[in-house]
Amino acid sequence: MVSRNARYALYVLLLVLGALVGAAGALVQAAWLPAGLLLALLATAGLFYGGLRATGTQIGVAAAGGGWLLAVVLLSFGRPEGDGVFGGGVGELLFLFGGMGVAVMCATLSRLPRPPR
């Protein structure tokens, strides 16, 4: 049994990892459009499913998804000078909606039974 403080630390770690994967995915999907988008979505799916497996609850997916969504939304805002990470193409929308879809799929997966001790 994992202590409550360790579980909270894991949730914070998943939140930070979600923000990092979201920022990296935002950059990669635009750089190598077809393959980069697939790579970014695979990394996102791996993080969300890993959060589910590491914590054993849907809160792990929500923590990773919250960090991911926060990073993607903040990077989608442009500066007044016109600079921004997202250019407004189809790839960016596929990354945004695909990542949210993967988060929902991972959050609705049934929990696996705990192995007997």
PDB file of N, CA and C in Angstrom:
ATOM      1  N   MET A   1       0.841  -1.180   0.000  1.00  0.00           N
ATOM      2  CA  MET A   1       0.000   0.000   0.000  1.00  0.00           C
ATOM      3  C   MET A   1       0.886   1.243   0.000  1.00  0.00           C
ATOM      4  N   VAL A   2       0.601   2.149  -0.890  1.00  0.00           N
ATOM      5  CA  VAL A   2       1.369   3.382  -1.005  1.00  0.00           C
ATOM      6  C   VAL A   2       0.782   4.413  -0.038  1.00  0.00           C
ATOM      7  N   SER A   3       1.656   5.139   0.628  1.00  0.00           N
ATOM      8  CA  SER A   3       1.169   6.142   1.577  1.00  0.00           C
ATOM      9  C   SER A   3       0.493   7.298   0.839  1.00  0.00           C
ATOM     10  N   ARG A   4      -0.276   8.050   1.567  1.00  0.00           N
ATOM     11  CA  ARG A   4      -1.024   9.157   0.981  1.00  0.00           C
ATOM     12  C   ARG A   4      -0.080  10.232   0.442  1.00  0.00           C
ATOM     13  N   ASN A   5       0.992  10.536   1.173  1.00  0.00           N
ATOM     14  CA  ASN A   5       1.938  11.557   0.717  1.00  0.00           C
ATOM     15  C   ASN A   5       2.662  11.125  -0.554  1.00  0.00           C
ATOM     16  N   ALA A   6       2.994   9.845  -0.638  1.00  0.00           N
ATOM     17  CA  ALA A   6       3.653   9.348  -1.848  1.00  0.00           C
ATOM     18  C   ALA A   6       2.708   9.410  -3.039  1.00  0.00           C
ATOM     19  N   ARG A   7       1.445   9.120  -2.810  1.00  0.00           N
ATOM     20  CA  ARG A   7       0.460   9.192  -3.906  1.00  0.00           C
ATOM     21  C   ARG A   7       0.285  10.633  -4.381  1.00  0.00           C
ATOM     22  N   TYR A   8       0.247  11.595  -3.450  1.00  0.00           N
ATOM     23  CA  TYR A   8       0.135  13.005  -3.841  1.00  0.00           C
ATOM     24  C   TYR A   8       1.372  13.464  -4.599  1.00  0.00           C
ATOM     25  N   ALA A   9       2.539  13.004  -4.178  1.00  0.00           N
ATOM     26  CA  ALA A   9       3.770  13.350  -4.893  1.00  0.00           C
ATOM     27  C   ALA A   9       3.747  12.766  -6.303  1.00  0.00           C
ATOM     28  N   LEU A  10       3.196  11.583  -6.456  1.00  0.00           N
ATOM     29  CA  LEU A  10       3.082  10.974  -7.777  1.00  0.00           C
ATOM     30  C   LEU A  10       2.121  11.766  -8.659  1.00  0.00           C
ATOM     31  N   TYR A  11       1.045  12.263  -8.081  1.00  0.00           N
ATOM     32  CA  TYR A  11       0.110  13.093  -8.852  1.00  0.00           C
ATOM     33  C   TYR A  11       0.777  14.384  -9.319  1.00  0.00           C
ATOM     34  N   VAL A  12       1.571  14.999  -8.460  1.00  0.00           N
ATOM     35  CA  VAL A  12       2.280  16.228  -8.853  1.00  0.00           C
ATOM     36  C   VAL A  12       3.308  15.917  -9.938  1.00  0.00           C
ATOM     37  N   LEU A  13       3.997  14.790  -9.810  1.00  0.00           N
ATOM     38  CA  LEU A  13       4.955  14.382 -10.835  1.00  0.00           C
ATOM     39  C   LEU A  13       4.257  14.147 -12.164  1.00  0.00           C
ATOM     40  N   LEU A  14       3.084  13.526 -12.150  1.00  0.00           N
ATOM     41  CA  LEU A  14       2.334  13.313 -13.388  1.00  0.00           C
ATOM     42  C   LEU A  14       1.851  14.623 -13.984  1.00  0.00           C
ATOM     43  N   LEU A  15       1.505  15.584 -13.146  1.00  0.00           N
ATOM     44  CA  LEU A  15       1.100  16.900 -13.637  1.00  0.00           C
ATOM     45  C   LEU A  15       2.260  17.581 -14.366  1.00  0.00           C
ATOM     46  N   VAL A  16       3.447  17.527 -13.778  1.00  0.00           N
ATOM     47  CA  VAL A  16       4.629  18.135 -14.398  1.00  0.00           C
ATOM     48  C   VAL A  16       5.004  17.385 -15.681  1.00  0.00           C
ATOM     49  N   LEU A  17       4.953  16.054 -15.649  1.00  0.00           N
ATOM     50  CA  LEU A  17       5.249  15.274 -16.848  1.00  0.00           C
ATOM     51  C   LEU A  17       4.237  15.557 -17.955  1.00  0.00           C
ATOM     52  N   GLY A  18       2.987  15.752 -17.584  1.00  0.00           N
ATOM     53  CA  GLY A  18       1.969  16.105 -18.565  1.00  0.00           C
ATOM     54  C   GLY A  18       2.269  17.426 -19.238  1.00  0.00           C
ATOM     55  N   ALA A  19       2.710  18.410 -18.458  1.00  0.00           N
ATOM     56  CA  ALA A  19       3.067  19.705 -19.041  1.00  0.00           C
ATOM     57  C   ALA A  19       4.271  19.574 -19.977  1.00  0.00           C
ATOM     58  N   LEU A  20       5.247  18.770 -19.588  1.00  0.00           N
ATOM     59  CA  LEU A  20       6.426  18.576 -20.438  1.00  0.00           C
ATOM     60  C   LEU A  20       6.088  17.841 -21.732  1.00  0.00           C
ATOM     61  N   VAL A  21       5.273  16.809 -21.642  1.00  0.00           N
ATOM     62  CA  VAL A  21       4.877  16.066 -22.845  1.00  0.00           C
ATOM     63  C   VAL A  21       4.008  16.936 -23.742  1.00  0.00           C
ATOM     64  N   GLY A  22       3.147  17.750 -23.166  1.00  0.00           N
ATOM     65  CA  GLY A  22       2.329  18.660 -23.968  1.00  0.00           C
ATOM     66  C   GLY A  22       3.164  19.690 -24.702  1.00  0.00           C
ATOM     67  N   ALA A  23       4.156  20.249 -24.022  1.00  0.00           N
ATOM     68  CA  ALA A  23       5.024  21.241 -24.674  1.00  0.00           C
ATOM     69  C   ALA A  23       5.886  20.593 -25.745  1.00  0.00           C
ATOM     70  N   ALA A  24       6.440  19.425 -25.454  1.00  0.00           N
ATOM     71  CA  ALA A  24       7.258  18.730 -26.449  1.00  0.00           C
ATOM     72  C   ALA A  24       6.416  18.294 -27.642  1.00  0.00           C
ATOM     73  N   GLY A  25       5.221  17.809 -27.375  1.00  0.00           N
ATOM     74  CA  GLY A  25       4.342  17.397 -28.460  1.00  0.00           C
ATOM     75  C   GLY A  25       3.914  18.555 -29.331  1.00  0.00           C
ATOM     76  N   ALA A  26       3.707  19.723 -28.733  1.00  0.00           N
ATOM     77  CA  ALA A  26       3.335  20.900 -29.510  1.00  0.00           C
ATOM     78  C   ALA A  26       4.447  21.285 -30.475  1.00  0.00           C
ATOM     79  N   LEU A  27       5.674  21.112 -30.059  1.00  0.00           N
ATOM     80  CA  LEU A  27       6.797  21.453 -30.932  1.00  0.00           C
ATOM     81  C   LEU A  27       7.053  20.374 -31.976  1.00  0.00           C
ATOM     82  N   VAL A  28       6.957  19.114 -31.589  1.00  0.00           N
ATOM     83  CA  VAL A  28       7.279  18.012 -32.499  1.00  0.00           C
ATOM     84  C   VAL A  28       6.217  17.857 -33.576  1.00  0.00           C
ATOM     85  N   GLN A  29       4.943  17.990 -33.217  1.00  0.00           N
ATOM     86  CA  GLN A  29       3.900  17.758 -34.203  1.00  0.00           C
ATOM     87  C   GLN A  29       3.942  18.782 -35.328  1.00  0.00           C
ATOM     88  N   ALA A  30       4.411  19.973 -35.045  1.00  0.00           N
ATOM     89  CA  ALA A  30       4.500  20.981 -36.092  1.00  0.00           C
ATOM     90  C   ALA A  30       5.780  20.836 -36.921  1.00  0.00           C
ATOM     91  N   ALA A  31       6.820  20.285 -36.339  1.00  0.00           N
ATOM     92  CA  ALA A  31       8.097  20.173 -37.037  1.00  0.00           C
ATOM     93  C   ALA A  31       8.068  19.069 -38.092  1.00  0.00           C
ATOM     94  N   TRP A  32       7.581  17.901 -37.734  1.00  0.00           N
ATOM     95  CA  TRP A  32       7.526  16.762 -38.665  1.00  0.00           C
ATOM     96  C   TRP A  32       6.069  16.351 -38.771  1.00  0.00           C
ATOM     97  N   LEU A  33       5.319  17.041 -39.623  1.00  0.00           N
ATOM     98  CA  LEU A  33       3.857  16.967 -39.541  1.00  0.00           C
ATOM     99  C   LEU A  33       3.261  15.566 -39.523  1.00  0.00           C
ATOM    100  N   PRO A  34       3.401  14.712 -40.475  1.00  0.00           N
ATOM    101  CA  PRO A  34       2.650  13.459 -40.292  1.00  0.00           C
ATOM    102  C   PRO A  34       3.255  12.572 -39.205  1.00  0.00           C
ATOM    103  N   ALA A  35       4.546  12.366 -39.243  1.00  0.00           N
ATOM    104  CA  ALA A  35       5.186  11.485 -38.271  1.00  0.00           C
ATOM    105  C   ALA A  35       5.274  12.146 -36.902  1.00  0.00           C
ATOM    106  N   GLY A  36       5.489  13.444 -36.857  1.00  0.00           N
ATOM    107  CA  GLY A  36       5.577  14.149 -35.587  1.00  0.00           C
ATOM    108  C   GLY A  36       4.260  14.158 -34.843  1.00  0.00           C
ATOM    109  N   LEU A  37       3.161  14.274 -35.573  1.00  0.00           N
ATOM    110  CA  LEU A  37       1.846  14.230 -34.942  1.00  0.00           C
ATOM    111  C   LEU A  37       1.592  12.857 -34.338  1.00  0.00           C
ATOM    112  N   LEU A  38       1.933  11.818 -35.072  1.00  0.00           N
ATOM    113  CA  LEU A  38       1.770  10.467 -34.547  1.00  0.00           C
ATOM    114  C   LEU A  38       2.663  10.235 -33.331  1.00  0.00           C
ATOM    115  N   LEU A  39       3.897  10.706 -33.394  1.00  0.00           N
ATOM    116  CA  LEU A  39       4.820  10.567 -32.267  1.00  0.00           C
ATOM    117  C   LEU A  39       4.310  11.313 -31.036  1.00  0.00           C
ATOM    118  N   ALA A  40       3.800  12.518 -31.239  1.00  0.00           N
ATOM    119  CA  ALA A  40       3.281  13.312 -30.123  1.00  0.00           C
ATOM    120  C   ALA A  40       2.059  12.644 -29.493  1.00  0.00           C
ATOM    121  N   LEU A  41       1.173  12.096 -30.319  1.00  0.00           N
ATOM    122  CA  LEU A  41      -0.007  11.432 -29.776  1.00  0.00           C
ATOM    123  C   LEU A  41       0.352  10.119 -29.086  1.00  0.00           C
ATOM    124  N   LEU A  42       1.340   9.406 -29.597  1.00  0.00           N
ATOM    125  CA  LEU A  42       1.786   8.181 -28.932  1.00  0.00           C
ATOM    126  C   LEU A  42       2.420   8.483 -27.577  1.00  0.00           C
ATOM    127  N   ALA A  43       3.206   9.547 -27.510  1.00  0.00           N
ATOM    128  CA  ALA A  43       3.802   9.939 -26.231  1.00  0.00           C
ATOM    129  C   ALA A  43       2.716  10.358 -25.240  1.00  0.00           C
ATOM    130  N   THR A  44       1.715  11.059 -25.729  1.00  0.00           N
ATOM    131  CA  THR A  44       0.603  11.473 -24.885  1.00  0.00           C
ATOM    132  C   THR A  44      -0.160  10.257 -24.361  1.00  0.00           C
ATOM    133  N   ALA A  45      -0.435   9.306 -25.248  1.00  0.00           N
ATOM    134  CA  ALA A  45      -1.142   8.092 -24.836  1.00  0.00           C
ATOM    135  C   ALA A  45      -0.316   7.289 -23.838  1.00  0.00           C
ATOM    136  N   GLY A  46       0.980   7.217 -24.060  1.00  0.00           N
ATOM    137  CA  GLY A  46       1.847   6.498 -23.125  1.00  0.00           C
ATOM    138  C   GLY A  46       1.855   7.134 -21.750  1.00  0.00           C
ATOM    139  N   LEU A  47       1.877   8.445 -21.711  1.00  0.00           N
ATOM    140  CA  LEU A  47       1.853   9.144 -20.425  1.00  0.00           C
ATOM    141  C   LEU A  47       0.536   8.919 -19.700  1.00  0.00           C
ATOM    142  N   PHE A  48      -0.577   9.047 -20.415  1.00  0.00           N
ATOM    143  CA  PHE A  48      -1.876   8.892 -19.772  1.00  0.00           C
ATOM    144  C   PHE A  48      -2.086   7.461 -19.287  1.00  0.00           C
ATOM    145  N   TYR A  49      -1.745   6.487 -20.107  1.00  0.00           N
ATOM    146  CA  TYR A  49      -1.908   5.100 -19.692  1.00  0.00           C
ATOM    147  C   TYR A  49      -0.923   4.754 -18.574  1.00  0.00           C
ATOM    148  N   GLY A  50       0.272   5.312 -18.644  1.00  0.00           N
ATOM    149  CA  GLY A  50       1.237   5.108 -17.559  1.00  0.00           C
ATOM    150  C   GLY A  50       0.767   5.711 -16.253  1.00  0.00           C
ATOM    151  N   GLY A  51       0.095   6.858 -16.321  1.00  0.00           N
ATOM    152  CA  GLY A  51      -0.484   7.459 -15.122  1.00  0.00           C
ATOM    153  C   GLY A  51      -1.577   6.599 -14.530  1.00  0.00           C
ATOM    154  N   LEU A  52      -2.361   5.967 -15.395  1.00  0.00           N
ATOM    155  CA  LEU A  52      -3.396   5.062 -14.919  1.00  0.00           C
ATOM    156  C   LEU A  52      -2.790   3.846 -14.248  1.00  0.00           C
ATOM    157  N   ARG A  53      -1.776   3.273 -14.867  1.00  0.00           N
ATOM    158  CA  ARG A  53      -1.163   2.063 -14.316  1.00  0.00           C
ATOM    159  C   ARG A  53      -0.341   2.355 -13.056  1.00  0.00           C
ATOM    160  N   ALA A  54       0.324   3.508 -13.024  1.00  0.00           N
ATOM    161  CA  ALA A  54       1.177   3.831 -11.877  1.00  0.00           C
ATOM    162  C   ALA A  54       0.358   4.104 -10.618  1.00  0.00           C
ATOM    163  N   THR A  55      -0.776   4.768 -10.782  1.00  0.00           N
ATOM    164  CA  THR A  55      -1.572   5.109  -9.614  1.00  0.00           C
ATOM    165  C   THR A  55      -2.697   4.123  -9.366  1.00  0.00           C
ATOM    166  N   GLY A  56      -3.148   3.458 -10.403  1.00  0.00           N
ATOM    167  CA  GLY A  56      -4.266   2.538 -10.262  1.00  0.00           C
ATOM    168  C   GLY A  56      -5.609   3.223 -10.211  1.00  0.00           C
ATOM    169  N   THR A  57      -5.639   4.536 -10.418  1.00  0.00           N
ATOM    170  CA  THR A  57      -6.895   5.284 -10.391  1.00  0.00           C
ATOM    171  C   THR A  57      -6.962   6.206 -11.609  1.00  0.00           C
ATOM    172  N   GLN A  58      -8.165   6.687 -11.875  1.00  0.00           N
ATOM    173  CA  GLN A  58      -8.349   7.636 -12.963  1.00  0.00           C
ATOM    174  C   GLN A  58      -7.796   9.013 -12.608  1.00  0.00           C
ATOM    175  N   ILE A  59      -7.509   9.251 -11.356  1.00  0.00           N
ATOM    176  CA  ILE A  59      -6.929  10.534 -10.956  1.00  0.00           C
ATOM    177  C   ILE A  59      -5.529  10.688 -11.551  1.00  0.00           C
ATOM    178  N   GLY A  60      -4.817   9.590 -11.726  1.00  0.00           N
ATOM    179  CA  GLY A  60      -3.505   9.646 -12.374  1.00  0.00           C
ATOM    180  C   GLY A  60      -3.608  10.139 -13.797  1.00  0.00           C
ATOM    181  N   VAL A  61      -4.643   9.687 -14.516  1.00  0.00           N
ATOM    182  CA  VAL A  61      -4.874  10.177 -15.884  1.00  0.00           C
ATOM    183  C   VAL A  61      -5.273  11.645 -15.847  1.00  0.00           C
ATOM    184  N   ALA A  62      -6.109  12.011 -14.890  1.00  0.00           N
ATOM    185  CA  ALA A  62      -6.557  13.401 -14.789  1.00  0.00           C
ATOM    186  C   ALA A  62      -5.404  14.335 -14.452  1.00  0.00           C
ATOM    187  N   ALA A  63      -4.493  13.902 -13.606  1.00  0.00           N
ATOM    188  CA  ALA A  63      -3.349  14.746 -13.263  1.00  0.00           C
ATOM    189  C   ALA A  63      -2.450  14.948 -14.476  1.00  0.00           C
ATOM    190  N   ALA A  64      -2.136  13.868 -15.181  1.00  0.00           N
ATOM    191  CA  ALA A  64      -1.302  13.989 -16.380  1.00  0.00           C
ATOM    192  C   ALA A  64      -2.034  14.779 -17.460  1.00  0.00           C
ATOM    193  N   GLY A  65      -3.325  14.536 -17.610  1.00  0.00           N
ATOM    194  CA  GLY A  65      -4.109  15.262 -18.611  1.00  0.00           C
ATOM    195  C   GLY A  65      -4.251  16.734 -18.287  1.00  0.00           C
ATOM    196  N   GLY A  66      -4.355  17.054 -17.010  1.00  0.00           N
ATOM    197  CA  GLY A  66      -4.441  18.464 -16.620  1.00  0.00           C
ATOM    198  C   GLY A  66      -3.164  19.224 -16.942  1.00  0.00           C
ATOM    199  N   GLY A  67      -2.021  18.621 -16.662  1.00  0.00           N
ATOM    200  CA  GLY A  67      -0.751  19.258 -17.019  1.00  0.00           C
ATOM    201  C   GLY A  67      -0.582  19.386 -18.519  1.00  0.00           C
ATOM    202  N   TRP A  68      -0.980  18.340 -19.247  1.00  0.00           N
ATOM    203  CA  TRP A  68      -0.891  18.363 -20.708  1.00  0.00           C
ATOM    204  C   TRP A  68      -1.777  19.464 -21.280  1.00  0.00           C
ATOM    205  N   LEU A  69      -3.030  19.524 -20.820  1.00  0.00           N
ATOM    206  CA  LEU A  69      -3.960  20.519 -21.337  1.00  0.00           C
ATOM    207  C   LEU A  69      -3.528  21.938 -20.980  1.00  0.00           C
ATOM    208  N   LEU A  70      -3.009  22.130 -19.783  1.00  0.00           N
ATOM    209  CA  LEU A  70      -2.529  23.448 -19.383  1.00  0.00           C
ATOM    210  C   LEU A  70      -1.401  23.918 -20.291  1.00  0.00           C
ATOM    211  N   ALA A  71      -0.456  23.027 -20.582  1.00  0.00           N
ATOM    212  CA  ALA A  71       0.660  23.404 -21.455  1.00  0.00           C
ATOM    213  C   ALA A  71       0.186  23.703 -22.867  1.00  0.00           C
ATOM    214  N   VAL A  72      -0.703  22.874 -23.392  1.00  0.00           N
ATOM    215  CA  VAL A  72      -1.171  23.065 -24.768  1.00  0.00           C
ATOM    216  C   VAL A  72      -1.984  24.353 -24.892  1.00  0.00           C
ATOM    217  N   VAL A  73      -2.833  24.623 -23.923  1.00  0.00           N
ATOM    218  CA  VAL A  73      -3.642  25.844 -23.980  1.00  0.00           C
ATOM    219  C   VAL A  73      -2.754  27.083 -23.844  1.00  0.00           C
ATOM    220  N   LEU A  74      -1.796  27.047 -22.923  1.00  0.00           N
ATOM    221  CA  LEU A  74      -0.910  28.209 -22.763  1.00  0.00           C
ATOM    222  C   LEU A  74      -0.059  28.433 -24.014  1.00  0.00           C
ATOM    223  N   LEU A  75       0.361  27.355 -24.660  1.00  0.00           N
ATOM    224  CA  LEU A  75       1.153  27.513 -25.875  1.00  0.00           C
ATOM    225  C   LEU A  75       0.311  27.926 -27.079  1.00  0.00           C
ATOM    226  N   SER A  76      -0.991  27.716 -27.002  1.00  0.00           N
ATOM    227  CA  SER A  76      -1.840  28.121 -28.128  1.00  0.00           C
ATOM    228  C   SER A  76      -2.106  29.617 -28.139  1.00  0.00           C
ATOM    229  N   PHE A  77      -1.947  30.260 -26.991  1.00  0.00           N
ATOM    230  CA  PHE A  77      -2.107  31.713 -26.961  1.00  0.00           C
ATOM    231  C   PHE A  77      -0.920  32.354 -27.661  1.00  0.00           C
ATOM    232  N   GLY A  78      -1.198  33.281 -28.526  1.00  0.00           N
ATOM    233  CA  GLY A  78      -0.123  34.004 -29.185  1.00  0.00           C
ATOM    234  C   GLY A  78       0.260  35.241 -28.400  1.00  0.00           C
ATOM    235  N   ARG A  79       1.430  35.726 -28.676  1.00  0.00           N
ATOM    236  CA  ARG A  79       1.861  36.984 -28.069  1.00  0.00           C
ATOM    237  C   ARG A  79       1.317  38.135 -28.898  1.00  0.00           C
ATOM    238  N   PRO A  80       1.315  39.352 -28.360  1.00  0.00           N
ATOM    239  CA  PRO A  80       0.822  40.498 -29.138  1.00  0.00           C
ATOM    240  C   PRO A  80       1.632  40.734 -30.415  1.00  0.00           C
ATOM    241  N   GLU A  81       2.882  40.266 -30.420  1.00  0.00           N
ATOM    242  CA  GLU A  81       3.712  40.441 -31.612  1.00  0.00           C
ATOM    243  C   GLU A  81       3.334  39.466 -32.715  1.00  0.00           C
ATOM    244  N   GLY A  82       2.504  38.486 -32.402  1.00  0.00           N
ATOM    245  CA  GLY A  82       2.087  37.513 -33.400  1.00  0.00           C
ATOM    246  C   GLY A  82       2.809  36.189 -33.309  1.00  0.00           C
ATOM    247  N   ASP A  83       3.747  36.070 -32.381  1.00  0.00           N
ATOM    248  CA  ASP A  83       4.468  34.810 -32.232  1.00  0.00           C
ATOM    249  C   ASP A  83       3.596  33.816 -31.473  1.00  0.00           C
ATOM    250  N   GLY A  84       3.670  32.577 -31.897  1.00  0.00           N
ATOM    251  CA  GLY A  84       2.939  31.523 -31.215  1.00  0.00           C
ATOM    252  C   GLY A  84       3.442  30.170 -31.667  1.00  0.00           C
ATOM    253  N   VAL A  85       3.245  29.163 -30.857  1.00  0.00           N
ATOM    254  CA  VAL A  85       3.699  27.822 -31.210  1.00  0.00           C
ATOM    255  C   VAL A  85       2.761  27.206 -32.229  1.00  0.00           C
ATOM    256  N   PHE A  86       1.468  27.393 -32.046  1.00  0.00           N
ATOM    257  CA  PHE A  86       0.499  26.822 -32.969  1.00  0.00           C
ATOM    258  C   PHE A  86       0.173  27.810 -34.060  1.00  0.00           C
ATOM    259  N   GLY A  87       0.215  27.335 -35.300  1.00  0.00           N
ATOM    260  CA  GLY A  87      -0.059  28.198 -36.436  1.00  0.00           C
ATOM    261  C   GLY A  87      -1.509  28.191 -36.868  1.00  0.00           C
ATOM    262  N   GLY A  88      -2.312  27.274 -36.345  1.00  0.00           N
ATOM    263  CA  GLY A  88      -3.729  27.249 -36.676  1.00  0.00           C
ATOM    264  C   GLY A  88      -4.083  26.279 -37.785  1.00  0.00           C
ATOM    265  N   GLY A  89      -3.262  25.295 -38.033  1.00  0.00           N
ATOM    266  CA  GLY A  89      -3.546  24.327 -39.079  1.00  0.00           C
ATOM    267  C   GLY A  89      -4.293  23.105 -38.558  1.00  0.00           C
ATOM    268  N   VAL A  90      -4.451  22.147 -39.442  1.00  0.00           N
ATOM    269  CA  VAL A  90      -5.164  20.920 -39.109  1.00  0.00           C
ATOM    270  C   VAL A  90      -4.367  20.075 -38.114  1.00  0.00           C
ATOM    271  N   GLY A  91      -3.053  20.067 -38.224  1.00  0.00           N
ATOM    272  CA  GLY A  91      -2.221  19.278 -37.324  1.00  0.00           C
ATOM    273  C   GLY A  91      -2.382  19.682 -35.872  1.00  0.00           C
ATOM    274  N   GLU A  92      -2.485  20.969 -35.627  1.00  0.00           N
ATOM    275  CA  GLU A  92      -2.654  21.446 -34.264  1.00  0.00           C
ATOM    276  C   GLU A  92      -4.000  21.015 -33.688  1.00  0.00           C
ATOM    277  N   LEU A  93      -5.042  21.069 -34.515  1.00  0.00           N
ATOM    278  CA  LEU A  93      -6.356  20.640 -34.044  1.00  0.00           C
ATOM    279  C   LEU A  93      -6.391  19.139 -33.791  1.00  0.00           C
ATOM    280  N   LEU A  94      -5.744  18.371 -34.661  1.00  0.00           N
ATOM    281  CA  LEU A  94      -5.678  16.932 -34.447  1.00  0.00           C
ATOM    282  C   LEU A  94      -4.908  16.595 -33.173  1.00  0.00           C
ATOM    283  N   PHE A  95      -3.858  17.345 -32.900  1.00  0.00           N
ATOM    284  CA  PHE A  95      -3.100  17.122 -31.672  1.00  0.00           C
ATOM    285  C   PHE A  95      -3.942  17.457 -30.448  1.00  0.00           C
ATOM    286  N   LEU A  96      -4.648  18.560 -30.485  1.00  0.00           N
ATOM    287  CA  LEU A  96      -5.467  18.976 -29.353  1.00  0.00           C
ATOM    288  C   LEU A  96      -6.610  18.002 -29.110  1.00  0.00           C
ATOM    289  N   PHE A  97      -7.410  17.737 -30.131  1.00  0.00           N
ATOM    290  CA  PHE A  97      -8.567  16.865 -29.950  1.00  0.00           C
ATOM    291  C   PHE A  97      -8.166  15.401 -29.809  1.00  0.00           C
ATOM    292  N   GLY A  98      -7.104  14.999 -30.485  1.00  0.00           N
ATOM    293  CA  GLY A  98      -6.618  13.631 -30.330  1.00  0.00           C
ATOM    294  C   GLY A  98      -6.100  13.376 -28.933  1.00  0.00           C
ATOM    295  N   GLY A  99      -5.368  14.332 -28.373  1.00  0.00           N
ATOM    296  CA  GLY A  99      -4.878  14.187 -27.006  1.00  0.00           C
ATOM    297  C   GLY A  99      -6.001  14.143 -25.989  1.00  0.00           C
ATOM    298  N   MET A 100      -7.010  14.982 -26.189  1.00  0.00           N
ATOM    299  CA  MET A 100      -8.149  14.948 -25.271  1.00  0.00           C
ATOM    300  C   MET A 100      -8.915  13.639 -25.407  1.00  0.00           C
ATOM    301  N   GLY A 101      -9.032  13.128 -26.627  1.00  0.00           N
ATOM    302  CA  GLY A 101      -9.705  11.848 -26.827  1.00  0.00           C
ATOM    303  C   GLY A 101      -8.958  10.697 -26.167  1.00  0.00           C
ATOM    304  N   VAL A 102      -7.636  10.718 -26.279  1.00  0.00           N
ATOM    305  CA  VAL A 102      -6.822   9.683 -25.634  1.00  0.00           C
ATOM    306  C   VAL A 102      -6.961   9.764 -24.118  1.00  0.00           C
ATOM    307  N   ALA A 103      -7.022  10.969 -23.584  1.00  0.00           N
ATOM    308  CA  ALA A 103      -7.194  11.123 -22.131  1.00  0.00           C
ATOM    309  C   ALA A 103      -8.533  10.547 -21.678  1.00  0.00           C
ATOM    310  N   VAL A 104      -9.576  10.790 -22.440  1.00  0.00           N
ATOM    311  CA  VAL A 104     -10.890  10.261 -22.090  1.00  0.00           C
ATOM    312  C   VAL A 104     -10.886   8.738 -22.192  1.00  0.00           C
ATOM    313  N   MET A 105     -10.252   8.203 -23.236  1.00  0.00           N
ATOM    314  CA  MET A 105     -10.195   6.741 -23.368  1.00  0.00           C
ATOM    315  C   MET A 105      -9.445   6.098 -22.208  1.00  0.00           C
ATOM    316  N   CYS A 106      -8.320   6.694 -21.827  1.00  0.00           N
ATOM    317  CA  CYS A 106      -7.547   6.123 -20.716  1.00  0.00           C
ATOM    318  C   CYS A 106      -8.282   6.278 -19.390  1.00  0.00           C
ATOM    319  N   ALA A 107      -9.001   7.367 -19.215  1.00  0.00           N
ATOM    320  CA  ALA A 107      -9.723   7.587 -17.957  1.00  0.00           C
ATOM    321  C   ALA A 107     -10.917   6.659 -17.815  1.00  0.00           C
ATOM    322  N   THR A 108     -11.476   6.206 -18.933  1.00  0.00           N
ATOM    323  CA  THR A 108     -12.641   5.331 -18.855  1.00  0.00           C
ATOM    324  C   THR A 108     -12.282   3.856 -18.919  1.00  0.00           C
ATOM    325  N   LEU A 109     -10.996   3.533 -19.007  1.00  0.00           N
ATOM    326  CA  LEU A 109     -10.597   2.129 -18.960  1.00  0.00           C
ATOM    327  C   LEU A 109     -10.927   1.559 -17.589  1.00  0.00           C
ATOM    328  N   SER A 110     -11.323   0.317 -17.589  1.00  0.00           N
ATOM    329  CA  SER A 110     -11.621  -0.300 -16.295  1.00  0.00           C
ATOM    330  C   SER A 110     -10.319  -0.557 -15.552  1.00  0.00           C
ATOM    331  N   ARG A 111     -10.404  -0.435 -14.255  1.00  0.00           N
ATOM    332  CA  ARG A 111      -9.222  -0.694 -13.436  1.00  0.00           C
ATOM    333  C   ARG A 111      -8.953  -2.180 -13.386  1.00  0.00           C
ATOM    334  N   LEU A 112      -7.700  -2.528 -13.440  1.00  0.00           N
ATOM    335  CA  LEU A 112      -7.315  -3.926 -13.349  1.00  0.00           C
ATOM    336  C   LEU A 112      -7.373  -4.377 -11.903  1.00  0.00           C
ATOM    337  N   PRO A 113      -7.751  -5.635 -11.669  1.00  0.00           N
ATOM    338  CA  PRO A 113      -7.767  -6.103 -10.277  1.00  0.00           C
ATOM    339  C   PRO A 113      -6.360  -6.154  -9.711  1.00  0.00           C
ATOM    340  N   ARG A 114      -6.256  -5.877  -8.439  1.00  0.00           N
ATOM    341  CA  ARG A 114      -4.948  -5.918  -7.777  1.00  0.00           C
ATOM    342  C   ARG A 114      -4.497  -7.365  -7.650  1.00  0.00           C
ATOM    343  N   PRO A 115      -3.202  -7.604  -7.879  1.00  0.00           N
ATOM    344  CA  PRO A 115      -2.717  -8.981  -7.753  1.00  0.00           C
ATOM    345  C   PRO A 115      -2.780  -9.442  -6.289  1.00  0.00           C
ATOM    346  N   PRO A 116      -3.038 -10.727  -6.088  1.00  0.00           N
ATOM    347  CA  PRO A 116      -3.088 -11.219  -4.702  1.00  0.00           C
ATOM    348  C   PRO A 116      -1.715 -11.187  -4.067  1.00  0.00           C
ATOM    349  N   ARG A 117      -1.684 -10.972  -2.761  1.00  0.00           N
ATOM    350  CA  ARG A 117      -0.395 -10.903  -2.052  1.00  0.00           C
ATOM    351  C   ARG A 117      -0.028 -12.238  -1.502  1.00  0.00           C
TER     352      ARG A 117
END
